[in-house]
Every structure is written in structure tokens, then in C-alpha cells.
Amino acid sequence: MARRGPQVPLYLVDAFADKRFTGNPAAVCMLDDEMSPEAMQAIARELNFSETAFVLPANADGIRNLRWFTPTVEVPLCGHATLATAHVLIRELEIEPPVRFETLSGILMVEKEPEGWLRMNFPVDPPIVEEDQELEEGEEPVETPEGLLEALGVPQDTPTFRGTKIWGVRLKTEKAIIKLEPDMAALREVKLGKGYLGVSVTARGTAGNDFASRFFGPWVGVDEDPVTGMAHTTLGPYWMKELNATALRAKQVSKRGGLLRVREDGDRIMISGKALTVVKGTLQA
């Protein structure tokens, strides 16, 4: 008989969603003790969500270790799985906010806002627009990755920008984003550069939203991510500069769709969303 492993409380949560079966689903595993990265990766592969979060109990300072895995890799930052984890702690387990996490991206904090919103405090990842690059002596300019625009199916003169984790591609309309049908096989072969997780395609928004986007991440095992909080650490500052604003409403126009609020705060960016629990259960690890 196979030896039984620990039983792990498991929650499936729709993040950046105001109704179930929209937004971005994430799995949240509530650990009692350390788990090996290999075991966490195996669980994430089995659950097959764009991200599975693993969170440990709070230490003496009230900070919880939090890690995120796609089905294929561990990632340094994930917005929707952080939102999902905070939702479980605050709404399901009735932990008094704010909740604080120790992560590969430093200490992250989540607080409650009115009307069911939760606000995440993330490090900003400022966008660099190619023509605005300030190069140090001996540095080479960073150009749009070869084949990226072709794989997305957009014109060669489409403007691009980058943070440290994503590339951004700016289209003319939200409708053009919605109609986009990238060649995923070709996209997967594009060399984005070290540390890059994917590409956001973005444009001015409609229907009360300031900007819209979609996110593609076949490089980390996620062809299209339904709603991507991490990408908004770059998209938010990009559109704040374009629109001369410090707070914006955003919509990710994937098939599931999701709403976000972004606000500038020095070298931090506040990303807010709602979340709903869909499933509560136990994982036999």
C-alpha cells in the first residue's frame, strides 16, 4: 500500500472576479510545514492552473512565506494567486488584515478596501519604451524580440515597451486585442530575454475602463493567462504616464475577463481586485 502524505487544505478561488467562473482561477494550498520545491511543482502540474500558491503559517512577526508555481516553473511574482491567498486568509479563515507575505519579490502586503475589494502592495516595474532608453556606456539597446510581432499577428511598426518581467505591445484599439489570435507555436520560440515571463498586448480601454490588455505566457507553461496582476506593475505605470493619471481602472479582456484597479504610490503600485471561493477541499499530498 502506498504511503499517505500530508493532507493539505486546498481552496480554488476566482481572482479579479465579481462573479464565479470569471477572472483568473488559482489554487491555494495552506501548508502546515515546509514542502520541497519538487513536491510543490508536482502539485502545481497536477492541478494545472496558471498558478498554484503555497503559503506557510505566520512567523513571529506575522509574515507568511508565499510561493507561486505554474504547471512548469516557479515564478517570482504572481498577482492573482496572491489575491486568492489573501482572500482565503481574510475571508475564509478570518485573519485580521493586513496580511503580509515573504516572497521572491520581497514583502508584499494585502489590505481590505470597501465593497469587497482587496488591495495588494507590489513593487513597481517601470516600463522602458525603446526610443526612451538611456544607455550606460558600452550598453547595447534592447530591441523588440525577433519574431514577437509576427507571432502575435500584428504589424511590424507596432509600438513596444518592456519592464523586467514582461514585454508590452500597444495596439490601437481594445477590439483589436480581443480579435487577436497569436500563433502559440511560433510565440513559444521567440527569445524574450532572461527573466521575462510573457507579453502583454494592451490598448486604451472602453466602457469606463482606462486601458485593456491580454497576457500570453507560453514560455512559463501558460498560453494565455486570464487576468495577470503581475503584468500591471508595468502596464499601470505605462498608462499612468500616457494618460497623466495616478489611479486607473483596467480590464483584462480574455474570455473569462477580469477587472483591476491600479494606483501609483512612489516605488510601489497598488493593485486591487475582488475574489470568490469556488471550491474548498483537501489535497492528499
C-alpha atoms as a PDB file:
ATOM      1  CA  MET A   1       0.000   0.000   0.000  1.00  0.00           C
ATOM      2  CA  ALA A   2       1.335   3.440  -0.942  1.00  0.00           C
ATOM      3  CA  ARG A   3       2.311   5.631   1.974  1.00  0.00           C
ATOM      4  CA  ARG A   4      -0.073   8.529   2.513  1.00  0.00           C
ATOM      5  CA  GLY A   5       1.370  12.030   2.592  1.00  0.00           C
ATOM      6  CA  PRO A   6       0.082  15.061   4.468  1.00  0.00           C
ATOM      7  CA  GLN A   7      -3.430  16.313   3.943  1.00  0.00           C
ATOM      8  CA  VAL A   8      -3.306  19.926   2.769  1.00  0.00           C
ATOM      9  CA  PRO A   9      -6.321  22.282   2.911  1.00  0.00           C
ATOM     10  CA  LEU A  10      -6.966  23.374  -0.659  1.00  0.00           C
ATOM     11  CA  TYR A  11      -9.037  26.276  -1.983  1.00  0.00           C
ATOM     12  CA  LEU A  12      -9.873  27.081  -5.592  1.00  0.00           C
ATOM     13  CA  VAL A  13     -10.501  30.806  -5.955  1.00  0.00           C
ATOM     14  CA  ASP A  14     -11.557  33.007  -8.852  1.00  0.00           C
ATOM     15  CA  ALA A  15      -9.387  36.136  -8.555  1.00  0.00           C
ATOM     16  CA  PHE A  16     -10.078  39.520 -10.131  1.00  0.00           C
ATOM     17  CA  ALA A  17     -13.676  38.347 -10.377  1.00  0.00           C
ATOM     18  CA  ASP A  18     -17.001  39.739  -9.123  1.00  0.00           C
ATOM     19  CA  LYS A  19     -18.889  36.570 -10.059  1.00  0.00           C
ATOM     20  CA  ARG A  20     -17.864  32.930 -10.112  1.00  0.00           C
ATOM     21  CA  PHE A  21     -16.347  31.334 -13.196  1.00  0.00           C
ATOM     22  CA  THR A  22     -14.836  34.636 -14.338  1.00  0.00           C
ATOM     23  CA  GLY A  23     -11.483  36.219 -13.550  1.00  0.00           C
ATOM     24  CA  ASN A  24      -8.432  34.023 -13.069  1.00  0.00           C
ATOM     25  CA  PRO A  25      -8.727  30.745 -11.127  1.00  0.00           C
ATOM     26  CA  ALA A  26      -5.916  29.951  -8.697  1.00  0.00           C
ATOM     27  CA  ALA A  27      -5.289  27.073  -6.331  1.00  0.00           C
ATOM     28  CA  VAL A  28      -4.240  27.941  -2.776  1.00  0.00           C
ATOM     29  CA  CYS A  29      -2.527  25.283  -0.647  1.00  0.00           C
ATOM     30  CA  MET A  30      -2.413  26.033   3.086  1.00  0.00           C
ATOM     31  CA  LEU A  31       0.731  24.303   4.355  1.00  0.00           C
ATOM     32  CA  ASP A  32       1.465  23.401   7.978  1.00  0.00           C
ATOM     33  CA  ASP A  33       5.169  22.894   7.333  1.00  0.00           C
ATOM     34  CA  GLU A  34       7.862  23.311   4.686  1.00  0.00           C
ATOM     35  CA  MET A  35       7.405  21.407   1.427  1.00  0.00           C
ATOM     36  CA  SER A  36      10.100  20.705  -1.128  1.00  0.00           C
ATOM     37  CA  PRO A  37      10.080  22.717  -4.369  1.00  0.00           C
ATOM     38  CA  GLU A  38       9.830  19.413  -6.269  1.00  0.00           C
ATOM     39  CA  ALA A  39       6.663  18.476  -4.383  1.00  0.00           C
ATOM     40  CA  MET A  40       5.134  21.915  -4.926  1.00  0.00           C
ATOM     41  CA  GLN A  41       5.929  21.752  -8.625  1.00  0.00           C
ATOM     42  CA  ALA A  42       4.363  18.290  -8.879  1.00  0.00           C
ATOM     43  CA  ILE A  43       1.185  19.540  -7.199  1.00  0.00           C
ATOM     44  CA  ALA A  44       1.035  22.592  -9.472  1.00  0.00           C
ATOM     45  CA  ARG A  45       1.471  20.351 -12.516  1.00  0.00           C
ATOM     46  CA  GLU A  46      -1.317  18.057 -11.259  1.00  0.00           C
ATOM     47  CA  LEU A  47      -3.760  20.908 -10.561  1.00  0.00           C
ATOM     48  CA  ASN A  48      -2.830  22.572 -13.879  1.00  0.00           C
ATOM     49  CA  PHE A  49      -3.935  26.100 -13.012  1.00  0.00           C
ATOM     50  CA  SER A  50      -1.938  29.020 -14.384  1.00  0.00           C
ATOM     51  CA  GLU A  51      -0.669  29.402 -10.801  1.00  0.00           C
ATOM     52  CA  THR A  52      -0.843  27.411  -7.598  1.00  0.00           C
ATOM     53  CA  ALA A  53       0.064  29.257  -4.388  1.00  0.00           C
ATOM     54  CA  PHE A  54       1.693  27.634  -1.361  1.00  0.00           C
ATOM     55  CA  VAL A  55       1.537  29.548   1.916  1.00  0.00           C
ATOM     56  CA  LEU A  56       3.017  28.731   5.315  1.00  0.00           C
ATOM     57  CA  PRO A  57       1.727  29.783   8.751  1.00  0.00           C
ATOM     58  CA  ALA A  58       2.726  33.222  10.037  1.00  0.00           C
ATOM     59  CA  ASN A  59       6.081  33.603  11.753  1.00  0.00           C
ATOM     60  CA  ALA A  60       6.623  35.542  14.990  1.00  0.00           C
ATOM     61  CA  ASP A  61       6.371  38.804  13.034  1.00  0.00           C
ATOM     62  CA  GLY A  62       3.065  37.818  11.425  1.00  0.00           C
ATOM     63  CA  ILE A  63       4.613  37.260   7.991  1.00  0.00           C
ATOM     64  CA  ARG A  64       3.764  34.200   5.893  1.00  0.00           C
ATOM     65  CA  ASN A  65       6.069  32.658   3.303  1.00  0.00           C
ATOM     66  CA  LEU A  66       4.322  32.524  -0.096  1.00  0.00           C
ATOM     67  CA  ARG A  67       5.461  30.836  -3.316  1.00  0.00           C
ATOM     68  CA  TRP A  68       3.837  30.527  -6.738  1.00  0.00           C
ATOM     69  CA  PHE A  69       4.174  27.763  -9.345  1.00  0.00           C
ATOM     70  CA  THR A  70       2.806  27.432 -12.868  1.00  0.00           C
ATOM     71  CA  PRO A  71       2.429  23.868 -14.196  1.00  0.00           C
ATOM     72  CA  THR A  72       6.064  24.052 -15.348  1.00  0.00           C
ATOM     73  CA  VAL A  73       8.064  26.605 -13.279  1.00  0.00           C
ATOM     74  CA  GLU A  74       8.213  28.654 -10.106  1.00  0.00           C
ATOM     75  CA  VAL A  75       7.625  32.363 -10.794  1.00  0.00           C
ATOM     76  CA  PRO A  76       8.990  35.399  -8.904  1.00  0.00           C
ATOM     77  CA  LEU A  77       5.681  37.266  -8.709  1.00  0.00           C
ATOM     78  CA  CYS A  78       2.003  36.456  -9.253  1.00  0.00           C
ATOM     79  CA  GLY A  79      -0.830  38.883  -8.677  1.00  0.00           C
ATOM     80  CA  HIS A  80      -3.942  36.747  -8.967  1.00  0.00           C
ATOM     81  CA  ALA A  81      -2.608  33.923  -6.766  1.00  0.00           C
ATOM     82  CA  THR A  82      -1.557  36.493  -4.138  1.00  0.00           C
ATOM     83  CA  LEU A  83      -5.050  37.960  -4.260  1.00  0.00           C
ATOM     84  CA  ALA A  84      -6.537  34.459  -3.980  1.00  0.00           C
ATOM     85  CA  THR A  85      -4.331  33.618  -0.982  1.00  0.00           C
ATOM     86  CA  ALA A  86      -5.199  36.853   0.805  1.00  0.00           C
ATOM     87  CA  HIS A  87      -8.882  36.200   0.111  1.00  0.00           C
ATOM     88  CA  VAL A  88      -8.644  32.766   1.753  1.00  0.00           C
ATOM     89  CA  LEU A  89      -6.865  34.148   4.805  1.00  0.00           C
ATOM     90  CA  ILE A  90      -9.107  37.183   5.280  1.00  0.00           C
ATOM     91  CA  ARG A  91     -12.492  35.874   4.166  1.00  0.00           C
ATOM     92  CA  GLU A  92     -12.350  32.113   4.781  1.00  0.00           C
ATOM     93  CA  LEU A  93     -10.021  31.913   7.805  1.00  0.00           C
ATOM     94  CA  GLU A  94     -10.967  35.337   9.215  1.00  0.00           C
ATOM     95  CA  ILE A  95      -7.388  36.530   9.666  1.00  0.00           C
ATOM     96  CA  GLU A  96      -7.369  40.214  10.550  1.00  0.00           C
ATOM     97  CA  PRO A  97      -5.877  42.293   7.704  1.00  0.00           C
ATOM     98  CA  PRO A  98      -3.438  43.454   6.610  1.00  0.00           C
ATOM     99  CA  VAL A  99      -1.799  40.142   5.689  1.00  0.00           C
ATOM    100  CA  ARG A 100       1.889  40.138   4.822  1.00  0.00           C
ATOM    101  CA  PHE A 101       3.843  37.693   2.696  1.00  0.00           C
ATOM    102  CA  GLU A 102       7.544  36.992   2.302  1.00  0.00           C
ATOM    103  CA  THR A 103       8.153  36.201  -1.375  1.00  0.00           C
ATOM    104  CA  LEU A 104      10.778  36.157  -4.107  1.00  0.00           C
ATOM    105  CA  SER A 105       9.688  39.764  -4.790  1.00  0.00           C
ATOM    106  CA  GLY A 106      10.147  40.910  -1.201  1.00  0.00           C
ATOM    107  CA  ILE A 107       7.484  41.611   1.411  1.00  0.00           C
ATOM    108  CA  LEU A 108       4.006  42.015  -0.092  1.00  0.00           C
ATOM    109  CA  MET A 109       1.020  43.309   1.861  1.00  0.00           C
ATOM    110  CA  VAL A 110      -2.724  42.976   1.203  1.00  0.00           C
ATOM    111  CA  GLU A 111      -5.425  45.111   2.835  1.00  0.00           C
ATOM    112  CA  LYS A 112      -9.207  45.363   2.644  1.00  0.00           C
ATOM    113  CA  GLU A 113     -10.976  48.080   0.701  1.00  0.00           C
ATOM    114  CA  PRO A 114     -14.690  48.935   0.610  1.00  0.00           C
ATOM    115  CA  GLU A 115     -17.214  46.939  -1.441  1.00  0.00           C
ATOM    116  CA  GLY A 116     -15.297  43.669  -1.325  1.00  0.00           C
ATOM    117  CA  TRP A 117     -12.059  44.821  -2.951  1.00  0.00           C
ATOM    118  CA  LEU A 118      -8.630  43.732  -1.717  1.00  0.00           C
ATOM    119  CA  ARG A 119      -5.592  45.946  -2.309  1.00  0.00           C
ATOM    120  CA  MET A 120      -2.141  44.446  -2.973  1.00  0.00           C
ATOM    121  CA  ASN A 121       1.019  46.464  -2.376  1.00  0.00           C
ATOM    122  CA  PHE A 122       3.578  45.438  -5.032  1.00  0.00           C
ATOM    123  CA  PRO A 123       6.943  46.780  -6.216  1.00  0.00           C
ATOM    124  CA  VAL A 124       6.543  48.866  -9.345  1.00  0.00           C
ATOM    125  CA  ASP A 125       8.279  47.634 -12.518  1.00  0.00           C
ATOM    126  CA  PRO A 126       8.630  50.811 -14.603  1.00  0.00           C
ATOM    127  CA  PRO A 127       8.216  50.466 -18.365  1.00  0.00           C
ATOM    128  CA  ILE A 128      11.023  51.299 -20.762  1.00  0.00           C
ATOM    129  CA  VAL A 129       9.922  52.448 -24.202  1.00  0.00           C
ATOM    130  CA  GLU A 130      12.525  51.626 -26.832  1.00  0.00           C
ATOM    131  CA  GLU A 131      13.020  55.163 -28.075  1.00  0.00           C
ATOM    132  CA  ASP A 132      13.313  56.430 -24.473  1.00  0.00           C
ATOM    133  CA  GLN A 133      16.112  54.072 -23.429  1.00  0.00           C
ATOM    134  CA  GLU A 134      19.005  55.705 -21.594  1.00  0.00           C
ATOM    135  CA  LEU A 135      22.024  53.501 -22.152  1.00  0.00           C
ATOM    136  CA  GLU A 136      25.116  53.319 -19.993  1.00  0.00           C
ATOM    137  CA  GLU A 137      28.485  53.440 -21.755  1.00  0.00           C
ATOM    138  CA  GLY A 138      29.053  50.175 -23.598  1.00  0.00           C
ATOM    139  CA  GLU A 139      25.413  49.039 -23.305  1.00  0.00           C
ATOM    140  CA  GLU A 140      23.551  47.813 -26.366  1.00  0.00           C
ATOM    141  CA  PRO A 141      19.942  48.933 -26.945  1.00  0.00           C
ATOM    142  CA  VAL A 142      17.275  46.337 -26.193  1.00  0.00           C
ATOM    143  CA  GLU A 143      15.189  45.816 -29.295  1.00  0.00           C
ATOM    144  CA  THR A 144      11.833  44.123 -29.715  1.00  0.00           C
ATOM    145  CA  PRO A 145      12.492  40.352 -29.623  1.00  0.00           C
ATOM    146  CA  GLU A 146      12.867  38.910 -33.089  1.00  0.00           C
ATOM    147  CA  GLY A 147       9.669  37.262 -34.310  1.00  0.00           C
ATOM    148  CA  LEU A 148       7.470  38.584 -31.485  1.00  0.00           C
ATOM    149  CA  LEU A 149       5.250  40.831 -33.584  1.00  0.00           C
ATOM    150  CA  GLU A 150       4.930  38.231 -36.348  1.00  0.00           C
ATOM    151  CA  ALA A 151       3.908  35.534 -33.858  1.00  0.00           C
ATOM    152  CA  LEU A 152       1.304  37.848 -32.361  1.00  0.00           C
ATOM    153  CA  GLY A 153      -0.002  38.672 -35.828  1.00  0.00           C
ATOM    154  CA  VAL A 154       0.405  42.463 -35.544  1.00  0.00           C
ATOM    155  CA  PRO A 155       2.096  44.973 -37.893  1.00  0.00           C
ATOM    156  CA  GLN A 156       5.871  45.413 -37.758  1.00  0.00           C
ATOM    157  CA  ASP A 157       5.554  49.081 -36.749  1.00  0.00           C
ATOM    158  CA  THR A 158       3.508  48.250 -33.626  1.00  0.00           C
ATOM    159  CA  PRO A 159       4.992  50.098 -30.599  1.00  0.00           C
ATOM    160  CA  THR A 160       6.565  48.009 -27.841  1.00  0.00           C
ATOM    161  CA  PHE A 161       7.910  48.568 -24.332  1.00  0.00           C
ATOM    162  CA  ARG A 162       9.305  46.389 -21.564  1.00  0.00           C
ATOM    163  CA  GLY A 163       9.625  46.030 -17.831  1.00  0.00           C
ATOM    164  CA  THR A 164      11.903  43.482 -16.188  1.00  0.00           C
ATOM    165  CA  LYS A 165       9.336  40.649 -16.308  1.00  0.00           C
ATOM    166  CA  ILE A 166       7.130  41.378 -19.325  1.00  0.00           C
ATOM    167  CA  TRP A 167       7.194  42.852 -22.792  1.00  0.00           C
ATOM    168  CA  GLY A 168       4.329  45.164 -23.729  1.00  0.00           C
ATOM    169  CA  VAL A 169       2.838  45.587 -27.198  1.00  0.00           C
ATOM    170  CA  ARG A 170       0.477  48.505 -27.774  1.00  0.00           C
ATOM    171  CA  LEU A 171      -2.370  48.120 -30.240  1.00  0.00           C
ATOM    172  CA  LYS A 172      -4.720  50.835 -31.459  1.00  0.00           C
ATOM    173  CA  THR A 173      -7.986  49.544 -30.009  1.00  0.00           C
ATOM    174  CA  GLU A 174      -9.405  47.198 -27.400  1.00  0.00           C
ATOM    175  CA  LYS A 175     -11.320  45.460 -30.197  1.00  0.00           C
ATOM    176  CA  ALA A 176      -8.010  44.612 -31.907  1.00  0.00           C
ATOM    177  CA  ILE A 177      -6.806  42.962 -28.683  1.00  0.00           C
ATOM    178  CA  ILE A 178      -9.964  40.884 -28.384  1.00  0.00           C
ATOM    179  CA  LYS A 179      -9.690  39.685 -32.001  1.00  0.00           C
ATOM    180  CA  LEU A 180      -6.013  38.730 -31.643  1.00  0.00           C
ATOM    181  CA  GLU A 181      -5.181  35.078 -32.376  1.00  0.00           C
ATOM    182  CA  PRO A 182      -1.444  34.550 -31.760  1.00  0.00           C
ATOM    183  CA  ASP A 183       0.456  31.656 -33.268  1.00  0.00           C
ATOM    184  CA  MET A 184       1.361  29.951 -29.980  1.00  0.00           C
ATOM    185  CA  ALA A 185       3.878  27.565 -31.525  1.00  0.00           C
ATOM    186  CA  ALA A 186       5.746  30.480 -33.092  1.00  0.00           C
ATOM    187  CA  LEU A 187       5.361  32.621 -29.961  1.00  0.00           C
ATOM    188  CA  ARG A 188       6.904  29.887 -27.815  1.00  0.00           C
ATOM    189  CA  GLU A 189      10.066  30.019 -29.963  1.00  0.00           C
ATOM    190  CA  VAL A 190      10.571  33.776 -29.508  1.00  0.00           C
ATOM    191  CA  LYS A 191      13.504  34.650 -27.221  1.00  0.00           C
ATOM    192  CA  LEU A 192      12.148  37.267 -24.821  1.00  0.00           C
ATOM    193  CA  GLY A 193      15.348  37.576 -22.803  1.00  0.00           C
ATOM    194  CA  LYS A 194      16.453  36.460 -19.356  1.00  0.00           C
ATOM    195  CA  GLY A 195      13.832  36.806 -16.633  1.00  0.00           C
ATOM    196  CA  TYR A 196      10.892  37.574 -18.919  1.00  0.00           C
ATOM    197  CA  LEU A 197       7.671  35.680 -18.222  1.00  0.00           C
ATOM    198  CA  GLY A 198       5.464  36.762 -21.102  1.00  0.00           C
ATOM    199  CA  VAL A 199       3.977  39.528 -23.199  1.00  0.00           C
ATOM    200  CA  SER A 200       1.030  41.846 -22.568  1.00  0.00           C
ATOM    201  CA  VAL A 201      -0.879  43.268 -25.512  1.00  0.00           C
ATOM    202  CA  THR A 202      -2.605  46.499 -24.466  1.00  0.00           C
ATOM    203  CA  ALA A 203      -4.660  49.443 -25.707  1.00  0.00           C
ATOM    204  CA  ARG A 204      -6.890  52.252 -24.444  1.00  0.00           C
ATOM    205  CA  GLY A 205      -9.996  50.863 -22.758  1.00  0.00           C
ATOM    206  CA  THR A 206     -13.722  51.269 -23.271  1.00  0.00           C
ATOM    207  CA  ALA A 207     -16.881  51.202 -21.129  1.00  0.00           C
ATOM    208  CA  GLY A 208     -15.390  53.108 -18.206  1.00  0.00           C
ATOM    209  CA  ASN A 209     -12.052  51.267 -18.152  1.00  0.00           C
ATOM    210  CA  ASP A 210      -8.920  53.273 -18.832  1.00  0.00           C
ATOM    211  CA  PHE A 211      -6.923  50.506 -20.513  1.00  0.00           C
ATOM    212  CA  ALA A 212      -7.312  46.902 -21.609  1.00  0.00           C
ATOM    213  CA  SER A 213      -4.912  44.002 -22.070  1.00  0.00           C
ATOM    214  CA  ARG A 214      -4.351  40.311 -22.689  1.00  0.00           C
ATOM    215  CA  PHE A 215      -1.339  38.313 -21.486  1.00  0.00           C
ATOM    216  CA  PHE A 216       0.444  35.431 -23.204  1.00  0.00           C
ATOM    217  CA  GLY A 217       2.984  33.287 -21.345  1.00  0.00           C
ATOM    218  CA  PRO A 218       3.751  30.039 -23.210  1.00  0.00           C
ATOM    219  CA  TRP A 219       7.375  30.411 -22.006  1.00  0.00           C
ATOM    220  CA  VAL A 220       6.192  29.526 -18.460  1.00  0.00           C
ATOM    221  CA  GLY A 221       3.580  26.949 -19.446  1.00  0.00           C
ATOM    222  CA  VAL A 222       0.582  29.308 -19.681  1.00  0.00           C
ATOM    223  CA  ASP A 223      -0.516  30.076 -23.248  1.00  0.00           C
ATOM    224  CA  GLU A 224      -2.948  32.791 -22.124  1.00  0.00           C
ATOM    225  CA  ASP A 225      -3.385  33.947 -18.550  1.00  0.00           C
ATOM    226  CA  PRO A 226      -6.968  35.143 -17.936  1.00  0.00           C
ATOM    227  CA  VAL A 227      -6.046  38.049 -15.613  1.00  0.00           C
ATOM    228  CA  THR A 228      -2.457  38.981 -14.769  1.00  0.00           C
ATOM    229  CA  GLY A 229      -1.813  41.166 -11.737  1.00  0.00           C
ATOM    230  CA  MET A 230       1.969  40.948 -12.150  1.00  0.00           C
ATOM    231  CA  ALA A 231       1.782  42.484 -15.633  1.00  0.00           C
ATOM    232  CA  HIS A 232       0.030  45.535 -14.225  1.00  0.00           C
ATOM    233  CA  THR A 233       3.143  46.502 -12.249  1.00  0.00           C
ATOM    234  CA  THR A 234       4.392  47.601 -15.707  1.00  0.00           C
ATOM    235  CA  LEU A 235       1.127  48.292 -17.549  1.00  0.00           C
ATOM    236  CA  GLY A 236      -0.138  50.558 -14.772  1.00  0.00           C
ATOM    237  CA  PRO A 237       2.843  52.957 -14.854  1.00  0.00           C
ATOM    238  CA  TYR A 238       2.852  52.893 -18.671  1.00  0.00           C
ATOM    239  CA  TRP A 239      -0.759  54.054 -18.900  1.00  0.00           C
ATOM    240  CA  MET A 240      -0.469  56.464 -15.977  1.00  0.00           C
ATOM    241  CA  LYS A 241       2.210  58.312 -17.915  1.00  0.00           C
ATOM    242  CA  GLU A 242       0.208  58.148 -21.156  1.00  0.00           C
ATOM    243  CA  LEU A 243      -2.994  59.391 -19.511  1.00  0.00           C
ATOM    244  CA  ASN A 244      -1.377  61.739 -16.963  1.00  0.00           C
ATOM    245  CA  ALA A 245      -3.099  59.980 -14.066  1.00  0.00           C
ATOM    246  CA  THR A 246      -2.098  58.315 -10.801  1.00  0.00           C
ATOM    247  CA  ALA A 247      -5.055  55.911 -10.493  1.00  0.00           C
ATOM    248  CA  LEU A 248      -6.698  53.889 -13.279  1.00  0.00           C
ATOM    249  CA  ARG A 249      -9.255  51.165 -13.936  1.00  0.00           C
ATOM    250  CA  ALA A 250      -8.135  48.232 -16.062  1.00  0.00           C
ATOM    251  CA  LYS A 251      -9.788  45.278 -17.750  1.00  0.00           C
ATOM    252  CA  GLN A 252      -8.132  42.113 -18.990  1.00  0.00           C
ATOM    253  CA  VAL A 253     -10.211  41.095 -21.978  1.00  0.00           C
ATOM    254  CA  SER A 254      -9.545  37.355 -22.047  1.00  0.00           C
ATOM    255  CA  LYS A 255     -12.534  35.048 -22.488  1.00  0.00           C
ATOM    256  CA  ARG A 256     -13.018  34.906 -18.701  1.00  0.00           C
ATOM    257  CA  GLY A 257     -12.254  38.605 -18.240  1.00  0.00           C
ATOM    258  CA  GLY A 258     -11.335  40.476 -15.092  1.00  0.00           C
ATOM    259  CA  LEU A 259     -11.292  43.955 -13.537  1.00  0.00           C
ATOM    260  CA  LEU A 260      -8.433  45.636 -11.703  1.00  0.00           C
ATOM    261  CA  ARG A 261      -7.686  48.982 -10.123  1.00  0.00           C
ATOM    262  CA  VAL A 262      -4.133  50.341 -10.165  1.00  0.00           C
ATOM    263  CA  ARG A 263      -2.738  53.272  -8.193  1.00  0.00           C
ATOM    264  CA  GLU A 264       0.720  54.815  -8.038  1.00  0.00           C
ATOM    265  CA  ASP A 265       2.459  55.111  -4.652  1.00  0.00           C
ATOM    266  CA  GLY A 266       6.119  56.087  -5.092  1.00  0.00           C
ATOM    267  CA  ASP A 267       8.170  52.993  -5.917  1.00  0.00           C
ATOM    268  CA  ARG A 268       5.164  50.788  -5.131  1.00  0.00           C
ATOM    269  CA  ILE A 269       1.981  50.134  -7.065  1.00  0.00           C
ATOM    270  CA  MET A 270      -1.375  49.257  -5.540  1.00  0.00           C
ATOM    271  CA  ILE A 271      -3.307  46.626  -7.488  1.00  0.00           C
ATOM    272  CA  SER A 272      -6.835  45.909  -6.313  1.00  0.00           C
ATOM    273  CA  GLY A 273      -9.350  43.221  -7.202  1.00  0.00           C
ATOM    274  CA  LYS A 274     -12.141  41.043  -5.900  1.00  0.00           C
ATOM    275  CA  ALA A 275     -12.105  37.276  -5.368  1.00  0.00           C
ATOM    276  CA  LEU A 276     -14.571  34.445  -4.761  1.00  0.00           C
ATOM    277  CA  THR A 277     -14.088  30.941  -3.397  1.00  0.00           C
ATOM    278  CA  VAL A 278     -15.313  28.222  -5.771  1.00  0.00           C
ATOM    279  CA  VAL A 279     -14.109  25.005  -4.090  1.00  0.00           C
ATOM    280  CA  LYS A 280     -12.918  24.027  -0.598  1.00  0.00           C
ATOM    281  CA  GLY A 281     -11.289  20.650  -0.141  1.00  0.00           C
ATOM    282  CA  THR A 282      -8.303  18.611   0.943  1.00  0.00           C
ATOM    283  CA  LEU A 283      -5.272  17.753  -1.142  1.00  0.00           C
ATOM    284  CA  GLN A 284      -3.696  14.365  -0.440  1.00  0.00           C
ATOM    285  CA  ALA A 285      -0.048  15.320  -0.860  1.00  0.00           C
END
